[in-house]
Amino acid sequence: MGKAHSGRFLKIVDLARGKIRECTVQDVAERKKAGNDLTLLDVREESEFAKGHIPGAAHLGKGVIERDVEEKFPDTNTEIVLYCGGGYRSALAALNLQLMGYTNVISMDGGFRGWKEASQPVTVPGSD
C-alpha cells in the first residue's frame, strides 16, 4: 500500500490530471508486448529505481527532471511515458514537462505499483 497523501497534495495532482494525458498500466503493457517503440521514464527517487523498474525505462527523478530533461530528450515532440510509484508524481512531472514545451508526454496511472500488481516484468538490480 502506498503512502497516505495529504489533501493539498491530492488537490494539485487532480489539477495536473485535468491538464495532462494519462494511460493505464495495461496500455503500456500492450504497447510493449506489440513491440512498439516506447520511451518510458521513471521519475521515482534513485533509490526506488535501483530496487526495481520497468525493463528498458530511463530514470530522471522528480526532483531533477525539469533541470535535466532537455539533455536526455532534446526533441520536445518525443513521446515520453512517465511513471512513478502510483501515478501522482508522474502526473505532476507531466504537467511541468508540458509547461516546458514537451508536446507528447503521458503519465501512467497506477505507476510501478500497478505494473507489479498486474504481474508485468520488472528489472531488478543485477538483471539489466
N, C-alpha and C. Protein backbone atom coordinates (compact mmCIF):
# COMPACT_ATOMS: atom_id res chain seq x y z
N MET A 1 0.84 -1.17 0.00
CA MET A 1 0.00 0.00 0.00
C MET A 1 0.88 1.23 0.00
N GLY A 2 0.53 2.21 -0.79
CA GLY A 2 1.30 3.44 -0.88
C GLY A 2 1.06 4.33 0.32
N LYS A 3 1.88 5.33 0.42
CA LYS A 3 1.80 6.31 1.49
C LYS A 3 0.49 7.08 1.39
N ALA A 4 -0.11 7.41 2.54
CA ALA A 4 -1.32 8.24 2.57
C ALA A 4 -0.91 9.66 2.19
N HIS A 5 -1.65 10.25 1.29
CA HIS A 5 -1.30 11.58 0.80
C HIS A 5 -2.20 12.65 1.40
N SER A 6 -1.64 13.83 1.61
CA SER A 6 -2.40 14.93 2.18
C SER A 6 -3.41 15.46 1.17
N GLY A 7 -4.41 16.11 1.67
CA GLY A 7 -5.44 16.69 0.82
C GLY A 7 -4.90 17.73 -0.13
N ARG A 8 -3.97 18.55 0.32
CA ARG A 8 -3.40 19.59 -0.55
C ARG A 8 -2.61 18.98 -1.69
N PHE A 9 -1.85 17.92 -1.38
CA PHE A 9 -1.10 17.23 -2.43
C PHE A 9 -2.06 16.64 -3.45
N LEU A 10 -3.09 15.95 -2.98
CA LEU A 10 -4.06 15.35 -3.89
C LEU A 10 -4.77 16.40 -4.75
N LYS A 11 -4.97 17.57 -4.18
CA LYS A 11 -5.61 18.66 -4.92
C LYS A 11 -4.76 19.09 -6.12
N ILE A 12 -3.43 19.23 -5.92
CA ILE A 12 -2.60 19.64 -7.05
C ILE A 12 -2.43 18.51 -8.06
N VAL A 13 -2.45 17.26 -7.57
CA VAL A 13 -2.40 16.13 -8.50
C VAL A 13 -3.66 16.13 -9.37
N ASP A 14 -4.82 16.33 -8.75
CA ASP A 14 -6.07 16.38 -9.52
C ASP A 14 -6.05 17.52 -10.53
N LEU A 15 -5.50 18.65 -10.14
CA LEU A 15 -5.37 19.78 -11.06
C LEU A 15 -4.49 19.39 -12.25
N ALA A 16 -3.37 18.75 -11.97
CA ALA A 16 -2.47 18.31 -13.04
C ALA A 16 -3.17 17.31 -13.94
N ARG A 17 -3.87 16.36 -13.35
CA ARG A 17 -4.55 15.33 -14.15
C ARG A 17 -5.58 15.91 -15.11
N GLY A 18 -6.11 17.04 -14.76
CA GLY A 18 -7.07 17.70 -15.65
C GLY A 18 -6.41 18.36 -16.86
N LYS A 19 -5.09 18.43 -16.85
CA LYS A 19 -4.37 19.14 -17.91
C LYS A 19 -3.41 18.26 -18.70
N ILE A 20 -3.31 16.99 -18.34
CA ILE A 20 -2.35 16.09 -18.99
C ILE A 20 -3.06 14.89 -19.60
N ARG A 21 -2.29 14.11 -20.36
CA ARG A 21 -2.77 12.83 -20.86
C ARG A 21 -2.31 11.74 -19.91
N GLU A 22 -3.17 10.75 -19.70
CA GLU A 22 -2.81 9.60 -18.88
C GLU A 22 -3.11 8.33 -19.66
N CYS A 23 -2.42 7.27 -19.28
CA CYS A 23 -2.69 5.95 -19.83
C CYS A 23 -2.71 4.97 -18.67
N THR A 24 -3.11 3.75 -18.96
CA THR A 24 -3.14 2.73 -17.92
C THR A 24 -1.91 1.83 -18.02
N VAL A 25 -1.70 1.06 -16.98
CA VAL A 25 -0.65 0.05 -16.99
C VAL A 25 -0.90 -0.90 -18.16
N GLN A 26 -2.15 -1.29 -18.37
CA GLN A 26 -2.49 -2.21 -19.45
C GLN A 26 -2.13 -1.62 -20.81
N ASP A 27 -2.37 -0.32 -21.00
CA ASP A 27 -1.99 0.33 -22.27
C ASP A 27 -0.50 0.16 -22.54
N VAL A 28 0.32 0.43 -21.53
CA VAL A 28 1.78 0.33 -21.69
C VAL A 28 2.20 -1.11 -21.92
N ALA A 29 1.62 -2.03 -21.15
CA ALA A 29 1.97 -3.45 -21.30
C ALA A 29 1.64 -3.94 -22.71
N GLU A 30 0.49 -3.55 -23.23
CA GLU A 30 0.10 -3.97 -24.58
C GLU A 30 1.02 -3.38 -25.64
N ARG A 31 1.40 -2.12 -25.47
CA ARG A 31 2.31 -1.49 -26.43
C ARG A 31 3.68 -2.16 -26.40
N LYS A 32 4.17 -2.48 -25.21
CA LYS A 32 5.47 -3.16 -25.11
C LYS A 32 5.39 -4.55 -25.73
N LYS A 33 4.31 -5.27 -25.44
CA LYS A 33 4.14 -6.63 -25.99
C LYS A 33 4.07 -6.60 -27.51
N ALA A 34 3.46 -5.55 -28.08
CA ALA A 34 3.35 -5.41 -29.53
C ALA A 34 4.66 -4.97 -30.17
N GLY A 35 5.65 -4.64 -29.33
CA GLY A 35 6.96 -4.22 -29.85
C GLY A 35 7.02 -2.76 -30.24
N ASN A 36 6.05 -1.98 -29.79
CA ASN A 36 6.07 -0.54 -30.10
C ASN A 36 7.27 0.13 -29.46
N ASP A 37 7.86 1.05 -30.19
CA ASP A 37 8.96 1.85 -29.65
C ASP A 37 8.37 2.77 -28.59
N LEU A 38 8.80 2.62 -27.37
CA LEU A 38 8.18 3.31 -26.25
C LEU A 38 9.26 3.87 -25.34
N THR A 39 9.23 5.16 -25.10
CA THR A 39 10.18 5.79 -24.18
C THR A 39 9.52 5.87 -22.82
N LEU A 40 9.99 5.04 -21.90
CA LEU A 40 9.50 5.03 -20.53
C LEU A 40 10.47 5.80 -19.65
N LEU A 41 9.93 6.66 -18.81
CA LEU A 41 10.78 7.46 -17.93
C LEU A 41 10.28 7.33 -16.50
N ASP A 42 11.09 6.74 -15.66
CA ASP A 42 10.80 6.55 -14.24
C ASP A 42 11.19 7.82 -13.50
N VAL A 43 10.23 8.44 -12.81
CA VAL A 43 10.51 9.69 -12.12
C VAL A 43 10.60 9.51 -10.60
N ARG A 44 10.70 8.25 -10.16
CA ARG A 44 10.85 8.00 -8.72
C ARG A 44 12.26 8.39 -8.27
N GLU A 45 12.49 8.28 -6.99
CA GLU A 45 13.82 8.56 -6.44
C GLU A 45 14.81 7.51 -6.94
N GLU A 46 16.07 7.88 -6.98
CA GLU A 46 17.13 6.97 -7.42
C GLU A 46 17.10 5.65 -6.65
N SER A 47 16.88 5.73 -5.34
CA SER A 47 16.86 4.52 -4.51
C SER A 47 15.69 3.61 -4.88
N GLU A 48 14.56 4.18 -5.26
CA GLU A 48 13.41 3.38 -5.68
C GLU A 48 13.70 2.69 -7.01
N PHE A 49 14.27 3.46 -7.95
CA PHE A 49 14.61 2.91 -9.26
C PHE A 49 15.60 1.76 -9.13
N ALA A 50 16.58 1.92 -8.23
CA ALA A 50 17.63 0.90 -8.05
C ALA A 50 17.07 -0.41 -7.52
N LYS A 51 15.95 -0.37 -6.82
CA LYS A 51 15.35 -1.59 -6.26
C LYS A 51 14.56 -2.36 -7.30
N GLY A 52 14.20 -1.72 -8.40
CA GLY A 52 13.44 -2.37 -9.46
C GLY A 52 12.71 -1.34 -10.31
N HIS A 53 12.56 -1.66 -11.60
CA HIS A 53 11.89 -0.74 -12.51
C HIS A 53 11.39 -1.51 -13.72
N ILE A 54 10.63 -0.83 -14.56
CA ILE A 54 10.12 -1.44 -15.77
C ILE A 54 11.29 -1.63 -16.74
N PRO A 55 11.41 -2.81 -17.34
CA PRO A 55 12.52 -3.06 -18.26
C PRO A 55 12.60 -2.00 -19.37
N GLY A 56 13.81 -1.50 -19.57
CA GLY A 56 14.05 -0.51 -20.61
C GLY A 56 13.78 0.93 -20.22
N ALA A 57 13.31 1.15 -19.01
CA ALA A 57 13.00 2.51 -18.57
C ALA A 57 14.26 3.31 -18.30
N ALA A 58 14.21 4.58 -18.67
CA ALA A 58 15.26 5.53 -18.29
C ALA A 58 14.86 6.12 -16.94
N HIS A 59 15.78 6.82 -16.30
CA HIS A 59 15.48 7.40 -15.00
C HIS A 59 15.86 8.87 -14.94
N LEU A 60 14.92 9.68 -14.50
CA LEU A 60 15.15 11.08 -14.12
C LEU A 60 14.21 11.34 -12.96
N GLY A 61 14.74 11.47 -11.77
CA GLY A 61 13.90 11.67 -10.60
C GLY A 61 13.09 12.95 -10.66
N LYS A 62 11.95 12.93 -10.00
CA LYS A 62 11.04 14.09 -9.98
C LYS A 62 11.77 15.34 -9.50
N GLY A 63 12.74 15.19 -8.64
CA GLY A 63 13.46 16.34 -8.11
C GLY A 63 14.38 17.04 -9.10
N VAL A 64 14.74 16.34 -10.20
CA VAL A 64 15.68 16.93 -11.15
C VAL A 64 15.18 16.91 -12.60
N ILE A 65 13.99 16.40 -12.82
CA ILE A 65 13.53 16.19 -14.19
C ILE A 65 13.51 17.48 -15.01
N GLU A 66 13.02 18.54 -14.42
CA GLU A 66 12.94 19.80 -15.17
C GLU A 66 14.33 20.34 -15.52
N ARG A 67 15.27 20.10 -14.65
CA ARG A 67 16.64 20.56 -14.88
C ARG A 67 17.34 19.74 -15.96
N ASP A 68 17.09 18.41 -16.00
CA ASP A 68 17.89 17.52 -16.83
C ASP A 68 17.20 16.95 -18.05
N VAL A 69 15.91 17.16 -18.20
CA VAL A 69 15.17 16.51 -19.27
C VAL A 69 15.66 16.91 -20.66
N GLU A 70 16.02 18.16 -20.84
CA GLU A 70 16.42 18.63 -22.18
C GLU A 70 17.70 17.95 -22.66
N GLU A 71 18.57 17.61 -21.73
CA GLU A 71 19.80 16.90 -22.11
C GLU A 71 19.48 15.48 -22.56
N LYS A 72 18.58 14.82 -21.85
CA LYS A 72 18.24 13.43 -22.15
C LYS A 72 17.28 13.32 -23.34
N PHE A 73 16.36 14.27 -23.45
CA PHE A 73 15.35 14.27 -24.52
C PHE A 73 15.25 15.66 -25.14
N PRO A 74 16.18 16.01 -26.02
CA PRO A 74 16.17 17.37 -26.59
C PRO A 74 14.98 17.64 -27.52
N ASP A 75 14.41 16.60 -28.11
CA ASP A 75 13.28 16.78 -29.02
C ASP A 75 11.99 16.85 -28.20
N THR A 76 11.36 18.01 -28.19
CA THR A 76 10.16 18.21 -27.38
C THR A 76 8.93 17.48 -27.93
N ASN A 77 9.08 16.86 -29.10
CA ASN A 77 7.98 16.06 -29.66
C ASN A 77 8.10 14.57 -29.31
N THR A 78 9.18 14.19 -28.64
CA THR A 78 9.37 12.79 -28.26
C THR A 78 8.22 12.33 -27.38
N GLU A 79 7.64 11.17 -27.70
CA GLU A 79 6.62 10.61 -26.82
C GLU A 79 7.33 10.02 -25.61
N ILE A 80 6.93 10.48 -24.43
CA ILE A 80 7.54 10.03 -23.18
C ILE A 80 6.41 9.59 -22.25
N VAL A 81 6.47 8.34 -21.82
CA VAL A 81 5.52 7.83 -20.84
C VAL A 81 6.21 7.86 -19.48
N LEU A 82 5.69 8.68 -18.60
CA LEU A 82 6.26 8.85 -17.26
C LEU A 82 5.56 7.93 -16.27
N TYR A 83 6.32 7.40 -15.33
CA TYR A 83 5.68 6.66 -14.23
C TYR A 83 6.44 6.89 -12.94
N CYS A 84 5.73 6.69 -11.84
CA CYS A 84 6.32 6.81 -10.51
C CYS A 84 5.81 5.62 -9.70
N GLY A 85 5.63 5.78 -8.42
CA GLY A 85 5.15 4.68 -7.60
C GLY A 85 3.69 4.37 -7.82
N GLY A 86 2.85 5.40 -7.94
CA GLY A 86 1.42 5.17 -8.07
C GLY A 86 0.71 6.03 -9.09
N GLY A 87 1.42 6.99 -9.68
CA GLY A 87 0.81 7.83 -10.70
C GLY A 87 0.63 9.29 -10.31
N TYR A 88 1.02 9.64 -9.11
CA TYR A 88 0.86 11.02 -8.66
C TYR A 88 2.03 11.91 -9.07
N ARG A 89 3.25 11.50 -8.71
CA ARG A 89 4.43 12.29 -9.07
C ARG A 89 4.57 12.38 -10.58
N SER A 90 4.22 11.30 -11.29
CA SER A 90 4.34 11.34 -12.75
C SER A 90 3.34 12.32 -13.37
N ALA A 91 2.17 12.46 -12.76
CA ALA A 91 1.20 13.45 -13.25
C ALA A 91 1.76 14.86 -13.09
N LEU A 92 2.35 15.13 -11.95
CA LEU A 92 2.95 16.46 -11.72
C LEU A 92 4.12 16.70 -12.67
N ALA A 93 4.94 15.68 -12.87
CA ALA A 93 6.07 15.82 -13.79
C ALA A 93 5.58 16.04 -15.22
N ALA A 94 4.53 15.34 -15.62
CA ALA A 94 3.98 15.50 -16.97
C ALA A 94 3.52 16.94 -17.20
N LEU A 95 2.85 17.50 -16.20
CA LEU A 95 2.40 18.89 -16.34
C LEU A 95 3.59 19.83 -16.49
N ASN A 96 4.62 19.63 -15.68
CA ASN A 96 5.80 20.50 -15.79
C ASN A 96 6.48 20.37 -17.14
N LEU A 97 6.58 19.15 -17.66
CA LEU A 97 7.19 18.98 -18.99
C LEU A 97 6.35 19.67 -20.06
N GLN A 98 5.05 19.58 -19.95
CA GLN A 98 4.18 20.31 -20.89
C GLN A 98 4.45 21.81 -20.81
N LEU A 99 4.59 22.32 -19.60
CA LEU A 99 4.87 23.76 -19.42
C LEU A 99 6.21 24.14 -20.04
N MET A 100 7.12 23.15 -20.15
CA MET A 100 8.43 23.38 -20.76
C MET A 100 8.39 23.21 -22.27
N GLY A 101 7.23 22.87 -22.82
CA GLY A 101 7.10 22.76 -24.27
C GLY A 101 7.07 21.34 -24.80
N TYR A 102 7.13 20.33 -23.94
CA TYR A 102 7.03 18.94 -24.39
C TYR A 102 5.57 18.67 -24.76
N THR A 103 5.36 18.17 -25.97
CA THR A 103 4.01 18.07 -26.51
C THR A 103 3.42 16.67 -26.47
N ASN A 104 4.21 15.68 -26.06
CA ASN A 104 3.76 14.30 -26.17
C ASN A 104 4.12 13.50 -24.93
N VAL A 105 3.79 14.04 -23.76
CA VAL A 105 4.07 13.34 -22.51
C VAL A 105 2.78 12.73 -21.97
N ILE A 106 2.93 11.55 -21.38
CA ILE A 106 1.80 10.80 -20.85
C ILE A 106 2.20 10.26 -19.48
N SER A 107 1.30 10.35 -18.53
CA SER A 107 1.54 9.79 -17.20
C SER A 107 0.83 8.44 -17.10
N MET A 108 1.54 7.43 -16.63
CA MET A 108 0.95 6.10 -16.46
C MET A 108 0.27 6.01 -15.10
N ASP A 109 -1.04 6.03 -15.10
CA ASP A 109 -1.83 5.91 -13.87
C ASP A 109 -1.60 4.53 -13.27
N GLY A 110 -1.40 4.48 -11.98
CA GLY A 110 -1.13 3.21 -11.30
C GLY A 110 0.34 3.00 -11.01
N GLY A 111 1.18 3.61 -11.84
CA GLY A 111 2.62 3.60 -11.63
C GLY A 111 3.24 2.21 -11.51
N PHE A 112 4.41 2.20 -10.90
CA PHE A 112 5.18 0.96 -10.76
C PHE A 112 4.44 -0.06 -9.90
N ARG A 113 3.73 0.43 -8.90
CA ARG A 113 2.95 -0.46 -8.04
C ARG A 113 1.89 -1.19 -8.87
N GLY A 114 1.18 -0.45 -9.72
CA GLY A 114 0.18 -1.06 -10.60
C GLY A 114 0.80 -2.02 -11.59
N TRP A 115 2.00 -1.68 -12.08
CA TRP A 115 2.72 -2.54 -13.01
C TRP A 115 3.02 -3.89 -12.36
N LYS A 116 3.54 -3.85 -11.13
CA LYS A 116 3.86 -5.10 -10.42
C LYS A 116 2.58 -5.87 -10.08
N GLU A 117 1.52 -5.17 -9.66
CA GLU A 117 0.26 -5.84 -9.33
C GLU A 117 -0.34 -6.53 -10.55
N ALA A 118 -0.04 -6.02 -11.75
CA ALA A 118 -0.52 -6.64 -12.98
C ALA A 118 0.40 -7.77 -13.46
N SER A 119 1.38 -8.13 -12.61
CA SER A 119 2.33 -9.21 -12.90
C SER A 119 3.12 -8.97 -14.18
N GLN A 120 3.46 -7.71 -14.44
CA GLN A 120 4.29 -7.36 -15.59
C GLN A 120 5.76 -7.53 -15.21
N PRO A 121 6.63 -7.71 -16.20
CA PRO A 121 8.06 -7.92 -15.90
C PRO A 121 8.72 -6.72 -15.25
N VAL A 122 9.65 -7.02 -14.36
CA VAL A 122 10.38 -6.00 -13.61
C VAL A 122 11.86 -6.28 -13.71
N THR A 123 12.64 -5.25 -13.91
CA THR A 123 14.10 -5.35 -13.87
C THR A 123 14.53 -5.09 -12.44
N VAL A 124 15.30 -6.01 -11.91
CA VAL A 124 15.81 -5.86 -10.54
C VAL A 124 17.32 -5.69 -10.60
N PRO A 125 17.93 -5.18 -9.54
CA PRO A 125 19.38 -4.96 -9.55
C PRO A 125 20.13 -6.20 -10.02
N GLY A 126 21.08 -5.97 -10.91
CA GLY A 126 21.91 -7.04 -11.42
C GLY A 126 21.32 -7.78 -12.61
N SER A 127 20.08 -7.44 -13.02
CA SER A 127 19.47 -8.17 -14.14
C SER A 127 19.46 -7.35 -15.44
N ASP A 128 19.90 -6.09 -15.39
CA ASP A 128 19.96 -5.26 -16.60
C ASP A 128 21.01 -5.75 -17.55
